[in-house]
Protein backbone atom coordinates (compact mmCIF):
# COMPACT_ATOMS: atom_id res chain seq x y z
CA MET A 1 50.75 -94.78 -23.91
CA LEU A 2 52.44 -96.57 -20.78
CA GLY A 3 56.01 -95.20 -19.85
CA PHE A 4 57.34 -98.90 -19.28
CA LEU A 5 56.70 -99.63 -22.88
CA THR A 6 58.34 -96.25 -24.04
CA GLY A 7 61.53 -95.97 -21.94
CA SER A 8 59.93 -92.77 -20.69
CA LYS A 9 59.94 -92.05 -17.07
CA VAL A 10 56.81 -90.05 -17.41
CA ASP A 11 53.68 -91.30 -18.52
CA HIS A 12 52.20 -88.24 -20.06
CA PRO A 13 51.85 -87.80 -23.96
CA MET A 14 53.90 -84.33 -23.79
CA ALA A 15 56.83 -86.45 -21.99
CA ASP A 16 59.01 -86.42 -25.21
CA ILE A 17 59.37 -82.82 -26.62
CA LYS A 18 58.77 -83.86 -30.53
CA GLN A 19 54.95 -85.03 -29.20
CA ALA A 20 54.61 -82.52 -27.42
CA ARG A 21 55.11 -79.85 -30.12
CA GLU A 22 52.93 -82.27 -32.36
CA ILE A 23 50.02 -81.66 -29.85
CA VAL A 24 50.52 -77.98 -30.10
CA ALA A 25 50.60 -77.95 -34.30
CA GLU A 26 47.37 -80.07 -34.14
CA LEU A 27 45.02 -77.72 -32.00
CA PRO A 28 41.82 -76.65 -33.75
CA SER A 29 41.54 -74.08 -35.46
CA ASP A 30 38.48 -72.81 -33.37
CA PRO A 31 39.85 -70.44 -30.72
CA MET A 32 37.31 -71.67 -28.22
CA LYS A 33 37.87 -75.73 -29.43
CA ALA A 34 41.87 -75.14 -28.64
CA LEU A 35 41.92 -72.90 -26.00
CA SER A 36 39.83 -75.46 -24.47
CA GLU A 37 42.65 -78.53 -25.10
CA ILE A 38 45.36 -76.51 -23.79
CA THR A 39 43.30 -75.42 -20.55
CA HIS A 40 42.83 -79.47 -20.55
CA TRP A 41 47.17 -80.06 -21.47
CA LEU A 42 47.86 -77.61 -18.47
CA ASP A 43 46.37 -79.42 -15.70
CA SER A 44 47.18 -82.59 -16.75
CA LEU A 45 50.92 -81.31 -16.83
CA ARG A 46 50.11 -80.11 -13.52
CA GLU A 47 48.63 -83.56 -12.34
CA THR A 48 51.59 -85.40 -13.38
CA LYS A 49 54.16 -85.11 -10.51
CA ALA A 50 56.49 -87.25 -12.35
CA TYR A 51 58.20 -84.60 -14.22
CA LYS A 52 60.94 -82.72 -13.72
CA LEU A 53 60.45 -79.00 -13.34
CA ASP A 54 62.81 -77.76 -16.06
CA ARG A 55 60.41 -80.12 -18.26
CA LEU A 56 57.29 -78.92 -16.88
CA PHE A 57 58.35 -75.11 -17.15
CA GLU A 58 59.13 -76.17 -21.40
CA ASN A 59 55.71 -77.61 -21.55
CA ILE A 60 54.04 -74.90 -19.71
CA ASP A 61 55.57 -72.29 -21.75
CA LEU A 62 54.79 -74.30 -24.66
CA LEU A 63 50.79 -74.04 -24.22
CA ASP A 64 51.48 -70.61 -23.16
CA GLY A 65 52.94 -69.43 -25.97
CA ALA A 66 50.50 -71.22 -27.95
CA ALA A 67 47.61 -69.90 -26.52
CA LYS A 68 48.27 -66.34 -26.89
CA ASN A 69 46.21 -65.83 -30.15
CA TYR A 70 43.40 -67.69 -29.33
CA GLN A 71 42.61 -66.12 -25.35
CA ARG A 72 42.83 -62.65 -27.46
CA LYS A 73 40.43 -63.97 -29.91
CA LEU A 74 37.85 -64.86 -27.02
CA ALA A 75 38.48 -62.10 -25.29
CA GLN A 76 37.88 -59.46 -28.59
CA ASP A 77 34.46 -61.73 -29.08
CA TYR A 78 33.31 -60.82 -25.40
CA PHE A 79 34.16 -57.42 -25.44
CA ALA A 80 33.27 -56.73 -28.57
CA THR A 81 29.01 -57.16 -28.42
CA SER A 82 27.59 -54.80 -25.76
CA ARG A 83 24.69 -57.51 -25.42
CA GLN A 84 25.20 -61.39 -25.76
CA GLN A 85 22.81 -64.27 -25.68
CA LYS A 86 23.38 -65.67 -22.25
CA PHE A 87 24.65 -68.50 -23.82
CA GLN A 88 27.36 -67.60 -25.35
CA GLU A 89 28.56 -64.97 -23.01
CA SER A 90 28.62 -67.92 -20.64
CA ARG A 91 30.79 -69.81 -23.23
CA LEU A 92 33.55 -67.26 -23.69
CA TRP A 93 33.61 -66.35 -20.33
CA THR A 94 33.93 -70.14 -18.99
CA GLY A 95 36.62 -70.35 -21.82
CA SER A 96 38.59 -67.56 -20.51
CA TYR A 97 38.58 -67.92 -17.11
CA ALA A 98 39.14 -70.95 -17.08
CA PHE A 99 42.41 -71.30 -19.24
CA TRP A 100 43.81 -68.76 -17.26
CA LYS A 101 42.63 -70.66 -13.67
CA ALA A 102 44.92 -73.51 -15.36
CA LEU A 103 47.64 -71.83 -16.87
CA SER A 104 48.25 -69.99 -13.06
CA ASP A 105 47.84 -73.14 -11.01
CA ALA A 106 50.29 -75.30 -13.88
CA TYR A 107 52.87 -72.02 -13.43
CA LEU A 108 52.03 -72.28 -9.19
CA GLU A 109 52.79 -76.32 -8.98
CA CYS A 110 56.14 -74.98 -10.66
CA VAL A 111 56.74 -72.67 -7.63
CA SER A 112 55.67 -75.16 -4.95
CA ARG A 113 57.34 -78.10 -6.31
CA PHE A 114 60.04 -75.76 -6.37
CA GLU A 115 59.95 -74.26 -2.68
CA SER A 116 59.38 -77.42 -1.20
CA THR A 117 61.89 -79.24 -2.72
CA GLN A 118 64.84 -76.77 -4.00
CA THR A 119 65.53 -78.53 -6.79
CA GLY A 120 65.74 -77.77 -10.48
CA GLY A 121 68.46 -77.45 -13.03
CA THR A 122 70.22 -74.10 -13.79
CA ALA A 123 67.70 -73.03 -16.70
CA PHE A 124 65.02 -73.60 -14.37
CA ARG A 125 66.29 -71.60 -11.56
CA LYS A 126 67.36 -68.82 -14.34
CA ASN A 127 63.80 -68.86 -15.24
CA LEU A 128 62.57 -68.17 -11.64
CA PRO A 129 61.68 -64.57 -11.68
CA VAL A 130 60.19 -65.13 -15.19
CA ILE A 131 58.37 -67.66 -14.01
CA VAL A 132 56.68 -66.15 -11.10
CA ALA A 133 55.91 -63.02 -13.20
CA ARG A 134 54.09 -65.26 -15.26
CA THR A 135 51.93 -66.43 -12.72
CA LEU A 136 50.82 -63.10 -10.87
CA ARG A 137 49.92 -61.97 -14.36
CA ALA A 138 48.28 -64.99 -15.45
CA LEU A 139 46.39 -64.32 -11.69
CA THR A 140 45.50 -60.84 -12.39
CA LEU A 141 43.84 -61.77 -15.75
CA GLN A 142 41.65 -64.48 -13.61
CA LEU A 143 41.12 -61.81 -10.98
CA LYS A 144 39.96 -59.50 -14.48
CA TRP A 145 37.55 -62.47 -15.75
CA ILE A 146 35.98 -62.69 -11.98
CA LEU A 147 35.34 -58.89 -11.69
CA VAL A 148 34.41 -58.78 -14.93
CA ARG A 149 31.09 -60.74 -13.96
CA TYR A 150 31.06 -58.46 -10.67
CA GLY A 151 31.78 -61.80 -8.75
CA PRO A 152 33.55 -62.67 -5.36
CA VAL A 153 36.92 -62.89 -5.27
CA GLU A 154 38.13 -66.00 -4.04
CA PRO A 155 40.01 -66.09 -0.62
CA ARG A 156 43.12 -68.55 -2.32
CA VAL A 157 43.53 -65.69 -5.18
CA TRP A 158 44.86 -63.22 -2.77
CA SER A 159 46.61 -65.82 -0.94
CA ASP A 160 48.64 -67.12 -3.89
CA ILE A 161 49.33 -63.04 -5.07
CA GLY A 162 50.33 -62.67 -1.45
CA ARG A 163 52.63 -65.93 -1.53
CA LEU A 164 54.29 -65.75 -5.11
CA TYR A 165 55.41 -61.56 -3.89
CA GLN A 166 56.82 -63.00 -0.33
CA PHE A 167 58.70 -65.36 -2.50
CA ALA A 168 60.57 -62.87 -4.54
CA GLU A 169 60.83 -60.59 -2.16
CA ALA A 170 62.45 -63.49 0.23
CA SER A 171 64.54 -64.45 -3.00
CA GLY A 172 66.00 -61.07 -3.96
CA PHE A 173 64.43 -60.98 -7.55
CA ALA A 174 61.08 -58.90 -6.74
CA GLY A 175 62.24 -55.78 -8.36
CA ASN A 176 64.74 -57.44 -11.18
CA ALA A 177 63.85 -56.58 -14.79
CA VAL A 178 63.09 -59.71 -16.71
CA ALA A 179 61.89 -60.43 -20.39
CA ILE A 180 58.41 -62.16 -18.99
CA TYR A 181 57.07 -62.98 -22.65
CA PRO A 182 58.74 -62.55 -25.65
CA GLY A 183 58.12 -58.92 -27.65
CA SER A 184 58.51 -55.17 -26.90
CA HIS A 185 55.83 -55.07 -24.15
CA GLY A 186 56.97 -58.37 -22.85
CA GLY A 187 59.78 -56.99 -20.19
CA GLY A 188 58.59 -56.03 -16.51
CA SER A 189 59.35 -57.35 -12.89
CA VAL A 190 57.40 -59.27 -10.15
CA ARG A 191 56.87 -55.87 -8.29
CA GLN A 192 55.20 -54.73 -11.40
CA GLU A 193 52.91 -57.80 -12.23
CA PHE A 194 52.08 -57.80 -8.19
CA LEU A 195 50.93 -54.22 -8.83
CA LYS A 196 48.94 -54.56 -11.62
CA ALA A 197 47.04 -56.95 -9.71
CA VAL A 198 46.66 -54.91 -6.54
CA MET A 199 46.04 -51.93 -8.22
CA LEU A 200 43.15 -53.72 -10.27
CA SER A 201 41.57 -54.70 -7.53
CA VAL A 202 41.54 -51.16 -5.58
CA SER A 203 40.28 -49.64 -8.77
CA SER A 204 36.48 -50.23 -7.77
CA THR A 205 35.77 -51.67 -11.28
CA ASP A 206 32.43 -53.11 -10.11
CA GLY A 207 31.22 -49.34 -11.56
CA LEU A 208 32.12 -49.82 -14.95
CA SER A 209 30.56 -51.95 -17.61
CA PRO A 210 32.33 -55.26 -18.92
CA MET A 211 33.76 -53.30 -21.80
CA ARG A 212 35.13 -50.06 -19.75
CA GLN A 213 36.61 -53.16 -17.16
CA GLU A 214 38.56 -54.13 -20.37
CA ILE A 215 39.80 -51.23 -20.97
CA ALA A 216 40.81 -50.21 -17.19
CA GLU A 217 42.99 -53.59 -17.35
CA ARG A 218 44.66 -52.67 -19.81
CA ALA A 219 45.54 -48.72 -18.43
CA VAL A 220 46.65 -50.63 -15.04
CA ALA A 221 48.77 -52.46 -17.17
CA HIS A 222 50.31 -49.62 -19.35
CA PHE A 223 50.54 -47.01 -16.25
CA SER A 224 52.37 -49.80 -14.05
CA SER A 225 55.41 -48.35 -14.06
CA GLY A 226 54.97 -45.76 -12.23
CA PHE A 227 52.99 -47.74 -9.19
CA ARG A 228 54.80 -47.01 -5.69
CA ILE A 229 55.09 -49.80 -2.65
CA ALA A 230 56.49 -48.59 0.16
CA GLN A 231 56.83 -50.56 3.72
CA GLN A 232 55.27 -47.67 5.90
CA PRO A 233 51.82 -45.73 4.06
CA GLY A 234 52.66 -42.58 2.45
CA PRO A 235 51.67 -39.77 -0.23
CA GLY A 236 50.99 -42.02 -3.00
CA CYS A 237 50.40 -45.00 -1.07
CA ALA A 238 47.33 -45.02 0.16
CA TYR A 239 46.47 -48.92 0.27
CA CYS A 240 47.40 -51.67 2.34
CA PHE A 241 47.63 -55.51 1.18
CA ASP A 242 48.84 -57.82 3.90
CA ILE A 243 51.17 -60.45 1.87
CA ALA A 244 50.59 -63.15 4.45
CA GLY A 245 46.77 -62.66 4.90
CA GLY A 246 44.79 -63.86 1.84
CA LYS A 247 42.35 -60.98 2.27
CA PRO A 248 42.15 -57.93 -0.94
CA PRO A 249 43.34 -55.09 -0.30
CA PHE A 250 41.57 -51.89 1.32
CA ARG A 251 42.09 -48.40 1.50
CA VAL A 252 44.22 -47.34 5.00
CA VAL A 253 41.94 -44.74 6.49
CA GLY A 254 42.93 -43.15 10.29
CA GLU A 255 45.70 -44.51 12.87
CA LYS A 256 45.84 -48.41 12.63
CA THR A 257 48.78 -51.07 13.23
CA PHE A 258 49.56 -53.41 10.68
CA PRO A 259 51.92 -56.62 10.91
CA PRO A 260 55.53 -57.01 9.39
CA THR A 261 53.59 -58.56 6.03
CA ALA A 262 51.96 -55.24 5.35
CA ARG A 263 52.71 -53.64 2.15
CA PHE A 264 51.91 -50.13 1.43
CA PHE A 265 50.81 -48.95 -2.41
CA GLY A 266 49.17 -46.75 -4.84
CA ALA A 267 49.03 -45.27 -7.92
CA GLY A 268 52.78 -42.86 -7.49
CA ASP A 269 53.99 -41.31 -10.39
CA ALA A 270 51.19 -43.46 -12.17
CA LEU A 271 48.47 -40.57 -11.09
CA ILE A 272 50.35 -37.81 -12.67
CA GLN A 273 50.90 -39.69 -16.10
CA LEU A 274 46.72 -40.59 -16.51
CA GLN A 275 45.93 -37.56 -15.12
CA LYS A 276 48.24 -35.70 -18.38
CA VAL A 277 46.90 -38.41 -20.88
CA GLU A 278 43.15 -37.63 -20.14
CA ALA A 279 43.93 -34.20 -20.47
CA VAL A 280 45.40 -35.02 -23.98
CA ILE A 281 42.85 -36.33 -24.94
CA ARG A 282 40.43 -34.04 -23.57
CA GLU A 283 41.97 -31.02 -25.11
CA THR A 284 43.03 -33.05 -29.14
CA GLY A 285 40.39 -35.46 -28.83
CA ALA A 286 43.04 -38.05 -30.08
CA ILE A 287 44.23 -40.93 -27.97
CA PRO A 288 48.39 -40.26 -27.98
CA SER A 289 49.60 -43.16 -30.41
CA SER A 290 52.00 -43.83 -27.02
CA VAL A 291 49.39 -44.99 -24.65
CA HIS A 292 48.48 -49.10 -25.54
CA LEU A 293 44.92 -50.08 -24.71
CA GLY A 294 44.60 -52.94 -26.47
CA GLY A 295 42.70 -51.78 -28.88
CA THR A 296 41.08 -48.97 -30.81
CA TYR A 297 38.48 -46.66 -29.09
CA ASP A 298 36.37 -43.70 -28.95
CA ASN A 299 37.12 -40.90 -26.77
CA GLU A 300 33.65 -41.00 -25.27
CA THR A 301 34.43 -44.64 -24.25
CA VAL A 302 37.86 -44.34 -22.80
CA LEU A 303 37.14 -41.04 -21.35
CA PRO A 304 34.73 -42.11 -18.62
CA VAL A 305 37.21 -44.88 -17.85
CA LEU A 306 40.09 -42.60 -17.04
CA ARG A 307 38.96 -39.99 -14.98
CA HIS A 308 37.17 -42.98 -12.76
CA LEU A 309 41.05 -44.56 -12.45
CA ILE A 310 41.81 -40.83 -11.41
CA SER A 311 39.49 -40.61 -8.86
CA TYR A 312 40.17 -44.02 -7.34
CA TRP A 313 44.23 -43.69 -7.65
CA SER A 314 44.21 -40.29 -5.62
CA ASP A 315 45.11 -40.10 -1.99
CA ASP A 316 41.83 -39.01 -1.09
CA ALA A 317 38.99 -41.38 -1.03
CA PRO A 318 35.85 -40.60 -3.88
CA ALA A 319 33.65 -38.61 -1.43
CA ARG A 320 29.67 -39.33 -1.96
CA ASN A 321 27.26 -36.77 -3.41
CA THR A 322 24.61 -37.11 -0.81
CA GLN A 323 23.99 -39.49 2.64
CA ARG A 324 22.78 -42.81 2.34
CA ARG A 325 20.04 -43.51 4.58
CA GLN A 326 19.44 -47.33 6.18
CA THR A 327 15.98 -48.66 4.63
CA ALA A 328 14.13 -52.30 4.16
CA THR A 329 11.39 -51.60 1.46
CA ARG A 330 10.78 -53.29 -1.73
CA MET A 331 11.28 -51.94 -5.31
CA THR A 332 9.47 -53.13 -8.79
CA VAL A 333 12.49 -52.86 -11.49
CA LEU A 334 11.47 -52.77 -14.81
CA HIS A 335 14.28 -53.93 -17.47
CA GLY A 336 15.66 -51.90 -20.57
CA MET A 337 14.40 -49.04 -22.22
CA ALA A 338 11.67 -51.91 -24.63
CA GLU A 339 9.73 -52.79 -21.39
CA ILE A 340 9.62 -49.62 -19.67
CA LEU A 341 8.32 -48.28 -23.16
CA GLN A 342 6.09 -51.33 -23.26
CA THR A 343 4.69 -50.36 -19.77
CA LEU A 344 4.34 -47.02 -20.05
CA ASP A 345 2.19 -46.43 -23.21
CA PRO A 346 1.99 -43.02 -24.38
CA ALA A 347 -1.28 -44.21 -25.50
CA HIS A 348 -2.37 -44.64 -21.64
CA SER A 349 -0.13 -42.43 -19.92
CA ASP A 350 -2.58 -41.75 -17.41
CA GLU A 351 -2.47 -45.56 -16.54
CA LEU A 352 0.78 -45.93 -14.37
CA ASP A 353 -0.32 -49.29 -12.74
CA PHE A 354 1.51 -52.05 -13.40
CA SER A 355 0.16 -54.68 -11.03
CA THR A 356 -0.18 -57.06 -14.22
CA ASP A 357 2.82 -57.04 -15.81
CA SER A 358 4.56 -60.62 -15.34
CA SER A 359 8.32 -59.60 -17.03
CA ALA A 360 9.27 -57.26 -13.65
CA GLU A 361 11.46 -58.20 -10.76
CA SER A 362 11.20 -56.89 -6.96
CA TRP A 363 14.22 -56.16 -5.35
CA ILE A 364 15.38 -55.07 -2.08
CA VAL A 365 16.00 -51.90 -1.32
CA GLU A 366 18.41 -51.74 1.83
CA ASN A 367 19.60 -48.13 1.62
CA VAL A 368 18.19 -45.28 -0.35
CA SER A 369 20.01 -41.71 -0.78
CA ASP A 370 18.79 -38.55 -2.83
CA GLY A 371 20.58 -39.24 -5.81
CA GLY A 372 19.15 -43.30 -6.14
CA TYR A 373 19.01 -46.84 -3.74
CA GLY A 374 20.99 -50.09 -2.45
CA ALA A 375 19.14 -53.03 -3.75
CA ILE A 376 19.74 -56.38 -3.05
CA ILE A 377 18.56 -58.73 -5.69
CA PRO A 378 16.81 -62.18 -5.21
CA ALA A 379 18.97 -64.90 -6.10
CA ALA A 380 18.29 -66.64 -9.68
CA LYS A 381 16.85 -63.31 -10.84
CA SER A 382 18.19 -60.77 -13.40
CA ASP A 383 20.82 -62.37 -15.63
CA TRP A 384 20.46 -58.98 -17.48
CA VAL A 385 21.65 -56.78 -14.67
CA ARG A 386 25.40 -54.60 -15.28
CA VAL A 387 27.00 -51.54 -14.66
CA GLY A 388 25.14 -48.58 -17.22
CA ALA A 389 21.54 -51.17 -17.51
CA LEU A 390 18.44 -48.72 -17.87
CA ILE A 391 15.60 -49.41 -15.39
CA GLY A 392 12.38 -48.24 -14.46
CA VAL A 393 11.64 -47.84 -10.88
CA LYS A 394 9.03 -48.30 -8.72
CA THR A 395 8.89 -48.18 -4.35
CA GLU A 396 6.06 -49.60 -2.56
CA ILE A 397 4.98 -45.89 -1.53
CA ALA A 398 5.71 -43.78 -5.07
CA GLN A 399 2.65 -43.14 -7.07
CA HIS A 400 4.94 -42.94 -10.77
CA TRP A 401 7.55 -44.66 -12.23
CA GLY A 402 11.22 -43.20 -12.25
CA ILE A 403 14.16 -44.23 -14.61
CA GLY A 404 17.71 -45.36 -13.36
CA ILE A 405 20.93 -46.40 -14.51
CA ILE A 406 22.36 -49.24 -12.26
CA ARG A 407 25.68 -47.76 -11.69
CA ARG A 408 27.32 -50.35 -9.20
CA VAL A 409 27.60 -54.03 -9.32
CA THR A 410 29.07 -57.07 -6.33
CA ARG A 411 28.25 -60.36 -5.68
CA ASP A 412 29.35 -61.49 -2.51
CA GLU A 413 30.39 -65.18 -1.43
CA HIS A 414 26.79 -66.46 -0.85
CA GLN A 415 26.06 -65.23 -4.89
CA GLN A 416 23.68 -62.75 -3.71
CA ARG A 417 24.02 -59.28 -5.65
CA ARG A 418 23.89 -56.11 -4.45
CA VAL A 419 23.41 -52.90 -7.00
CA GLY A 420 23.36 -49.14 -7.00
CA VAL A 421 20.64 -47.11 -8.79
CA GLN A 422 21.06 -43.55 -9.88
CA VAL A 423 17.80 -41.91 -10.77
CA LEU A 424 17.79 -39.92 -13.13
CA SER A 425 14.18 -39.12 -12.58
CA LYS A 426 10.89 -39.65 -9.80
CA ILE A 427 8.62 -39.27 -12.59
CA ALA A 428 9.07 -40.43 -16.70
CA ILE A 429 6.36 -39.07 -18.97
CA PRO A 430 5.91 -41.07 -21.77
CA VAL A 431 6.27 -38.66 -25.14
CA ARG A 432 6.60 -38.79 -28.42
CA VAL A 433 9.74 -37.64 -30.61
CA GLY A 434 10.57 -37.19 -34.12
CA LYS A 435 13.05 -35.64 -36.67
CA SER A 436 12.10 -31.69 -36.37
CA GLY A 437 12.51 -29.09 -39.58
CA GLY A 438 13.34 -26.33 -36.83
CA ALA A 439 11.91 -23.68 -35.35
CA PHE A 440 10.60 -21.95 -38.49
CA ALA A 441 8.74 -24.73 -39.95
CA SER A 442 5.33 -24.36 -41.03
CA GLY A 443 4.11 -27.10 -38.57
CA PRO A 444 5.64 -30.10 -35.92
CA ALA A 445 6.22 -32.97 -37.42
CA ALA A 446 4.32 -36.12 -36.54
CA PRO A 447 6.35 -37.99 -33.98
CA THR A 448 6.67 -41.41 -34.29
CA ASP A 449 9.27 -42.64 -31.92
CA SER A 450 8.08 -43.30 -28.17
CA ALA A 451 10.56 -41.73 -25.67
CA LEU A 452 10.49 -40.68 -21.97
CA LEU A 453 10.65 -37.11 -20.61
CA LEU A 454 12.01 -37.01 -17.14
CA SER A 455 11.06 -33.92 -16.07
CA THR A 456 7.81 -31.03 -16.17
CA THR A 457 10.03 -27.78 -16.27
CA PRO A 458 13.39 -27.12 -17.01
CA ASP A 459 16.28 -27.53 -14.55
CA SER A 460 19.01 -24.69 -13.66
CA ASN A 461 20.14 -24.63 -17.10
CA GLY A 462 16.91 -24.48 -18.61
CA GLU A 463 17.31 -27.93 -20.02
CA VAL A 464 15.05 -30.95 -19.70
CA GLY A 465 16.26 -34.63 -19.99
CA VAL A 466 14.97 -37.24 -22.78
CA VAL A 467 15.31 -40.71 -22.62
CA MET A 468 15.04 -42.32 -26.38
CA ARG A 469 15.62 -45.70 -28.18
CA ASP A 470 19.44 -46.12 -29.26
CA GLY A 471 20.29 -44.33 -32.22
CA ILE A 472 17.30 -41.78 -32.55
CA PHE A 473 19.59 -38.38 -30.84
CA SER A 474 21.90 -36.30 -33.24
CA SER A 475 23.41 -33.49 -31.81
CA ARG A 476 22.70 -31.78 -35.24
CA ASP A 477 19.01 -32.34 -35.58
CA SER A 478 16.07 -30.45 -33.75
CA TYR A 479 13.23 -33.12 -32.19
CA ASP A 480 9.67 -32.27 -32.51
CA MET A 481 8.05 -33.51 -29.53
CA VAL A 482 4.28 -34.42 -27.93
CA ALA A 483 3.97 -34.59 -24.17
CA LYS A 484 0.31 -34.98 -22.89
CA ASN A 485 -1.24 -33.81 -26.44
CA LYS A 486 1.03 -30.81 -26.42
CA PRO A 487 3.22 -29.77 -29.33
CA TYR A 488 6.89 -28.64 -28.10
CA LEU A 489 10.55 -28.17 -30.09
CA LEU A 490 13.50 -29.61 -28.34
CA MET A 491 16.88 -28.13 -29.49
CA PRO A 492 19.73 -30.25 -28.62
CA SER A 493 22.45 -29.72 -26.17
CA ARG A 494 24.47 -32.99 -25.07
CA LEU A 495 24.53 -36.52 -25.23
CA ALA A 496 24.23 -37.19 -21.14
CA GLU A 497 25.04 -40.50 -21.22
CA GLY A 498 24.57 -43.77 -24.24
CA GLY A 499 23.96 -46.97 -23.20
CA GLU A 500 23.12 -50.49 -24.86
CA ASP A 501 19.30 -49.74 -25.63
CA PHE A 502 18.95 -45.80 -25.08
CA ASP A 503 20.46 -42.48 -25.35
CA TRP A 504 19.83 -40.06 -22.32
CA ALA A 505 19.82 -36.43 -24.23
CA MET A 506 19.52 -32.94 -22.51
CA PHE A 507 17.24 -30.23 -24.58
CA LYS A 508 16.63 -26.74 -24.60
CA VAL A 509 12.85 -26.49 -24.83
CA MET A 510 9.97 -24.62 -26.61
CA ALA A 511 6.57 -24.55 -26.99
CA ARG A 512 4.61 -24.61 -30.24
CA SER A 513 1.72 -23.59 -31.03
CA SER A 514 -0.43 -26.56 -31.77
């Protein structure tokens, strides 16, 4: 509708507050469609330069509030399913990321216009700390969605985060407590929102699965009141971020000269708080009700995340277990338990040649250690790659297939992905397993499930590792195993790790009489 016909100075459907509220009231019930419409309106508001700042903020605030339930539902859907169809995963990710980008861009437009004009009514100036804090929060959530896909973070994200914090410092309200959003958990400050962003960045989330990244981001938010920031490096401030540099934060190592715009930060008191919570969960088996992680999770999911954060929030950098050696070779990779078992068919356990299997991928190994490999994944390959995925591995010089788990995924500016692989065993022996009647049963059962034995001899604890299909392992059951036509009894010791399609468990093993 044209402005000269309505008498409005702003040619936009949301220029009239009554009509703006009608637009929000008529949003579709479908969360994906509703969030897409909100994203569209946010972009159109940002592009309409005739808006006065007060009205621009009022409309953005209206859309921001309307989006809460929709974006929360999309996030729940994304993280609730461990393995999504690629199309659905892409829709959910794109919808969520696009919303947070549009929201941060819209709020950033308010700040930029105020900076350039120094105009705005009394209400707008009063809300300026809230606007800056909301912009930083939206940028942090935009950062989170980039990290969930292990993608490179665009320099503009760091530039915007730094510029906003510079503006807040110069304006004198960086540390002021404000009601960022309504509700019991809506308070904070610009400084706290800034620290959430940079602490999430240095928490090494490329070593966590998407679900565990979600928990990590929630933990960062929960413990953020204890984070520390200073003008100089010191205890509790092991990281640095140049608020004028447009580059990601980094750990301070050695003596260096830093520009005046460098800010040093770290976990501060939050590390002690985090350690106490981890200890309580470990000792009591329950997550304290005062700890808000955005959902209900079991201890086995939460504890590894907390330990991961404790490691990276510490002033001391996590030490590598083994030294890396540079190399240049190729590695053939099988994806997932089903494909590994199909290749290593127990009926042909001596026939380990894989040359005819077309579903395998060839990765470039760039470094190797006693514990695994660092590899480059060819472009347009491996949409399935994520932290925690089980893979079969065989280098050019290896005689047998090994088993590994992807522990780290990164993506550079050229969209080339690099992965870190932990090798569980350099030889995987196909076996059959099945629940047993125990050591005193009259005879071994007839195992029907395929599995992978990870060693030919017990380790120093007298245990052997077995990788089973997910859902088969139970710590209460013993198992009969047939390996190389010989029967064995497996007594469960512990579940080392559970994945999307596998259980890696440790057993005491006893030979059975045939």
